[in-house]
Protein backbone atom coordinates (compact mmCIF):
# COMPACT_ATOMS: atom_id res chain seq x y z
CA MET A 1 -18.48 -3.30 22.03
CA ASN A 2 -17.89 0.01 20.26
CA GLU A 3 -14.34 1.29 19.94
CA THR A 4 -13.57 4.65 21.52
CA PRO A 5 -11.41 7.42 20.00
CA GLU A 6 -8.70 6.27 22.43
CA ASP A 7 -8.90 2.70 21.05
CA ASN A 8 -8.67 3.94 17.47
CA ALA A 9 -5.72 6.22 18.23
CA LEU A 10 -3.84 3.46 20.05
CA THR A 11 -4.38 1.05 17.17
CA ILE A 12 -3.01 3.57 14.68
CA LEU A 13 -0.02 4.43 16.85
CA GLU A 14 0.94 0.81 17.47
CA ARG A 15 0.81 -0.02 13.75
CA LEU A 16 2.87 3.01 12.80
CA ARG A 17 6.45 2.04 11.97
CA GLU A 18 9.32 4.09 13.42
CA GLY A 19 9.76 7.06 11.10
CA GLY A 20 6.25 6.50 9.77
CA LEU A 21 3.98 9.44 9.02
CA TRP A 22 0.52 9.92 10.53
CA GLN A 23 -1.79 12.65 9.22
CA PRO A 24 -5.18 12.46 10.99
CA ALA A 25 -7.83 13.15 8.37
CA GLY A 26 -9.00 16.75 8.07
CA LEU A 27 -6.95 18.16 10.98
CA GLY A 28 -3.97 19.67 9.15
CA LEU A 29 -1.49 17.92 11.47
CA SER A 30 1.45 15.68 10.57
CA TYR A 31 3.18 13.37 13.08
CA ILE A 32 6.07 10.94 12.78
CA ARG A 33 6.84 8.08 15.14
CA THR A 34 10.18 8.64 16.88
CA GLY A 35 10.38 5.85 19.45
CA GLU A 36 8.68 2.94 21.16
CA LYS A 37 5.89 5.10 22.55
CA SER A 38 6.67 8.56 21.24
CA ILE A 39 5.75 10.70 18.24
CA SER A 40 6.63 14.22 17.11
CA LEU A 41 4.41 16.84 15.53
CA ILE A 42 6.33 18.10 12.50
CA THR A 43 3.82 20.37 10.74
CA GLN A 44 0.57 22.16 11.52
CA GLU A 45 -1.53 24.11 9.07
CA ASN A 46 -1.73 27.77 10.06
CA ASN A 47 -5.44 28.08 10.84
CA PRO A 48 -7.66 28.05 13.97
CA THR A 49 -9.11 24.60 13.22
CA SER A 50 -5.68 22.96 13.21
CA ALA A 51 -4.62 24.90 16.30
CA GLN A 52 -7.59 23.55 18.24
CA ALA A 53 -7.10 20.05 16.85
CA ARG A 54 -3.47 20.14 18.00
CA ILE A 55 -4.59 20.56 21.62
CA ARG A 56 -7.19 17.77 21.35
CA MET A 57 -4.73 15.40 19.71
CA ARG A 58 -2.08 16.00 22.37
CA LEU A 59 -4.57 15.15 25.11
CA LEU A 60 -5.72 12.07 23.19
CA ILE A 61 -2.20 10.78 22.53
CA GLU A 62 -1.00 11.36 26.06
CA GLY A 63 -4.20 9.76 27.35
CA VAL A 64 -3.25 6.40 25.79
CA GLY A 65 0.21 6.44 27.36
CA TRP A 66 2.25 7.92 24.51
CA GLN A 67 4.45 11.01 24.47
CA VAL A 68 4.17 13.73 21.85
CA ASP A 69 6.92 16.26 21.14
CA GLU A 70 5.72 19.55 19.62
CA SER A 71 8.94 21.53 20.06
CA GLU A 72 9.94 21.48 16.38
CA ALA A 73 6.50 21.77 14.78
CA GLN A 74 6.38 24.13 11.80
CA LEU A 75 3.36 26.17 10.72
CA THR A 76 2.48 25.83 7.05
CA ASP A 77 0.26 28.11 4.96
CA VAL A 78 -1.89 26.09 2.55
CA GLN A 79 -4.81 28.44 1.92
CA HIS A 80 -3.21 29.71 -1.27
CA LEU A 81 -2.81 26.16 -2.61
CA SER A 82 -5.36 24.35 -4.73
CA PRO A 83 -6.54 20.89 -3.56
CA GLN A 84 -4.30 19.32 -6.19
CA GLN A 85 -1.28 21.30 -4.98
CA GLN A 86 -2.03 20.38 -1.37
CA HIS A 87 -2.19 16.71 -2.35
CA MET A 88 1.12 16.93 -4.21
CA GLN A 89 2.74 18.66 -1.24
CA GLU A 90 1.51 15.95 1.13
CA MET A 91 2.71 13.18 -1.20
CA MET A 92 6.17 14.73 -1.45
CA MET A 93 6.38 14.89 2.34
CA ARG A 94 5.32 11.26 2.71
CA GLN A 95 7.79 10.07 0.08
CA GLU A 96 10.58 12.05 1.74
CA MET A 97 9.75 10.42 5.09
CA ALA A 98 9.68 6.98 3.46
CA GLN A 99 13.28 7.37 2.33
CA ASN A 100 14.30 7.45 6.01
CA TRP A 101 12.70 4.11 6.91
CA LYS A 102 15.30 1.48 7.76
CA CYS A 103 15.61 -2.19 8.59
CA ASN A 104 16.86 -3.15 12.06
CA CYS A 105 20.31 -3.60 10.52
CA GLY A 106 20.28 -0.02 9.21
CA THR A 107 19.63 -0.80 5.54
CA PRO A 108 17.17 1.70 4.01
CA LEU A 109 13.91 0.05 2.98
CA SER A 110 14.21 1.95 -0.30
CA ALA A 111 17.28 -0.24 -1.06
CA PHE A 112 15.27 -3.46 -0.77
CA PRO A 113 14.48 -5.40 -3.99
CA LEU A 114 10.94 -4.04 -3.91
CA GLU A 115 10.15 -5.40 -7.37
CA LYS A 116 10.31 -8.90 -5.82
CA ALA A 117 7.85 -8.09 -3.02
CA ARG A 118 4.91 -10.46 -2.50
CA TRP A 119 1.37 -9.39 -1.64
CA ASN A 120 -0.17 -11.40 1.20
CA PHE A 121 -3.81 -11.65 2.30
CA ASP A 122 -3.88 -11.49 6.11
CA GLY A 123 -7.59 -12.14 6.63
CA GLN A 124 -10.43 -9.79 7.55
CA GLU A 125 -10.79 -7.35 10.41
CA GLU A 126 -13.90 -5.67 11.77
CA MET A 127 -13.77 -1.90 11.36
CA ILE A 128 -16.13 0.76 12.65
CA LEU A 129 -17.35 3.24 10.02
CA PRO A 130 -17.92 6.95 10.77
CA THR A 131 -21.63 6.12 10.88
CA GLY A 132 -21.02 3.72 13.74
CA GLU A 133 -21.76 0.65 11.60
CA LYS A 134 -19.34 -2.28 11.55
CA GLU A 135 -17.82 -3.71 8.38
CA LEU A 136 -15.39 -6.53 7.64
CA VAL A 137 -12.38 -5.15 5.80
CA GLU A 138 -9.68 -7.15 4.06
CA GLN A 139 -6.19 -6.81 5.53
CA TRP A 140 -3.19 -7.06 3.19
CA SER A 141 0.55 -6.73 3.64
CA VAL A 142 3.45 -6.63 1.20
CA ILE A 143 6.26 -9.01 2.15
CA THR A 144 9.79 -7.76 1.47
CA GLN A 145 13.21 -9.05 2.50
CA CYS A 146 16.32 -7.14 3.52
CA PRO A 147 19.15 -7.83 1.05
CA VAL A 148 21.75 -7.48 3.83
CA CYS A 149 20.47 -9.32 6.92
CA GLU A 150 17.68 -11.25 5.11
CA THR A 151 15.06 -10.15 7.66
CA ILE A 152 11.48 -10.49 6.40
CA VAL A 153 9.80 -7.07 6.61
CA PRO A 154 6.02 -6.84 6.03
CA LEU A 155 4.86 -3.45 4.78
CA GLU A 156 1.48 -1.76 4.80
CA PRO A 157 0.29 -1.49 1.16
CA TYR A 158 0.30 2.31 1.33
CA ASP A 159 3.86 2.34 2.68
CA TYR A 160 4.93 -0.01 -0.08
CA GLY A 161 3.47 2.35 -2.67
CA LEU A 162 5.43 5.26 -1.22
CA LEU A 163 8.68 3.30 -1.40
CA ALA A 164 8.23 1.52 -4.71
CA GLY A 165 6.49 4.27 -6.68
CA ASP A 166 3.44 4.36 -8.94
CA ASP A 167 4.75 1.82 -11.45
CA ALA A 168 4.85 -0.89 -8.78
CA MET A 169 1.17 -0.28 -8.06
CA THR A 170 0.11 -0.58 -11.71
CA THR A 171 1.82 -3.94 -12.32
CA TYR A 172 1.03 -7.13 -10.41
CA SER A 173 2.63 -10.55 -10.89
CA PHE A 174 1.76 -13.90 -9.35
CA ARG A 175 2.15 -17.63 -9.91
CA THR A 176 -0.39 -20.44 -9.88
CA SER A 177 0.16 -24.18 -9.96
CA ILE A 178 -2.22 -26.69 -11.56
CA PRO A 179 -1.97 -30.51 -11.92
CA GLU A 180 -0.94 -31.74 -15.36
CA SER A 181 -3.31 -34.60 -16.20
CA ARG A 182 -2.15 -35.15 -19.76
CA GLN A 183 1.49 -35.80 -18.78
CA PRO A 184 1.52 -37.27 -15.23
CA SER A 185 5.32 -37.50 -15.24
CA ILE A 186 5.51 -33.69 -15.24
CA GLY A 187 3.61 -33.45 -11.97
CA HIS A 188 2.16 -29.96 -12.30
CA ILE A 189 2.32 -26.89 -14.45
CA GLU A 190 3.31 -23.60 -12.92
CA LYS A 191 2.22 -20.41 -14.63
CA GLU A 192 3.31 -16.85 -13.94
CA TYR A 193 0.98 -14.00 -14.82
CA THR A 194 1.62 -10.27 -15.02
CA LEU A 195 -1.32 -7.88 -15.00
CA THR A 196 -0.54 -4.34 -16.11
CA ALA A 197 -3.09 -1.55 -15.71
CA LEU A 198 -3.78 0.27 -18.96
CA SER A 199 -4.25 4.00 -19.39
CA ARG A 200 -7.08 5.41 -21.49
CA PRO A 201 -4.86 5.97 -24.57
CA GLU A 202 -3.51 2.42 -24.20
CA ILE A 203 -7.04 0.99 -24.04
CA ILE A 204 -7.99 2.89 -27.21
CA ALA A 205 -4.85 1.70 -29.02
CA PHE A 206 -5.53 -1.87 -27.88
CA MET A 207 -9.12 -1.79 -29.14
CA ASP A 208 -8.06 -0.25 -32.45
CA MET A 209 -5.48 -3.00 -32.86
CA ASN A 210 -7.92 -5.82 -32.15
CA ASN A 211 -10.83 -4.38 -34.13
CA GLY A 212 -8.72 -3.42 -37.11
CA ASP A 213 -6.29 -5.31 -39.29
CA ALA A 214 -4.05 -6.61 -36.51
CA ASP A 215 -2.68 -10.14 -36.70
CA GLY A 216 -3.86 -10.99 -33.17
CA ASP A 217 -0.45 -10.53 -31.54
CA ALA A 218 -1.69 -8.03 -28.96
CA PRO A 219 -1.74 -9.20 -25.32
CA ASP A 220 -5.03 -10.22 -23.75
CA MET A 221 -7.05 -7.47 -22.08
CA PHE A 222 -9.44 -7.97 -19.18
CA VAL A 223 -11.43 -6.05 -16.61
CA THR A 224 -10.41 -7.51 -13.26
CA GLY A 225 -12.64 -8.67 -10.43
CA THR A 226 -11.73 -10.20 -7.07
CA PHE A 227 -10.11 -13.31 -8.59
CA TYR A 228 -8.10 -14.14 -11.69
CA ASN A 229 -7.76 -17.84 -12.55
CA GLY A 230 -8.57 -18.71 -8.94
CA HIS A 231 -6.00 -16.30 -7.48
CA MET A 232 -7.30 -13.55 -5.16
CA LEU A 233 -6.16 -10.14 -6.34
CA PRO A 234 -5.22 -7.30 -3.95
CA PRO A 235 -7.85 -4.54 -3.78
CA HIS A 236 -5.81 -2.03 -5.80
CA VAL A 237 -5.73 -4.43 -8.78
CA ARG A 238 -9.50 -4.98 -8.87
CA GLY A 239 -11.79 -3.07 -11.21
CA ALA A 240 -8.94 -2.18 -13.56
CA VAL A 241 -8.54 -2.67 -17.28
CA VAL A 242 -5.34 -4.68 -17.62
CA SER A 243 -3.20 -6.37 -20.21
CA VAL A 244 -2.24 -9.93 -19.31
CA THR A 245 0.96 -11.76 -20.15
CA GLU A 246 1.74 -15.29 -18.96
CA TRP A 247 4.60 -17.74 -18.88
CA GLN A 248 4.32 -21.48 -18.41
CA ILE A 249 6.86 -23.46 -16.45
CA ALA A 250 6.80 -27.25 -16.14
CA THR A 251 8.12 -28.22 -12.73
CA GLY A 252 8.25 -31.22 -10.41
CA GLU A 253 8.02 -34.92 -11.13
CA GLU A 254 5.85 -37.65 -9.69
CA GLU A 255 7.74 -40.46 -8.00
């Protein structure tokens, strides 16, 4: 059964967190969720295409049982901006909105210990492509915890990136546990790995170090795939050139 535009809109709206930003692709419209079943239009690009899209979107949103408030929408002129400037403007808006996201206890999500967040694979979901074809897409969430009320708060990966910043998306840490056959009394060995994406200058410096007179003290460098040492990597970590550091921790004892 093919999903309708109403189905797609309802799915997006229901997944949107309160205070979350929704910018339908190519329409020049920006909405934020303001309540259980309500959103507000905050900006509209000042052109005929966006004006027409605004009418269609209102009908679509109201048609799935949601309310949309357009009373405080602001017109924005973007024709004088380059694509890069438009992108920067949109990112600044999204990051500003993210600072207003809060836990149920009122603690800003930006105050969470985001560096301790854990990426979680939630399975696969069938998505319909613009061509009408169906494709299984991996679903991931980033698990965070409120430092005040200790509520577990799962975040969409994109939302996590807005809150934690670019550095959090270029570094990924995880632990794996393997049996220790040589010393059964230890039980198992736990290792922690940190993969850090390298920039082009860092890759060049790394290669110069390893191909020159270096003593071999440079960290390992790899091009990542789907897995690393049996651990599934989130999509944003795959296909990157990374440096790898690891720590080994002996833990547990056999009885």
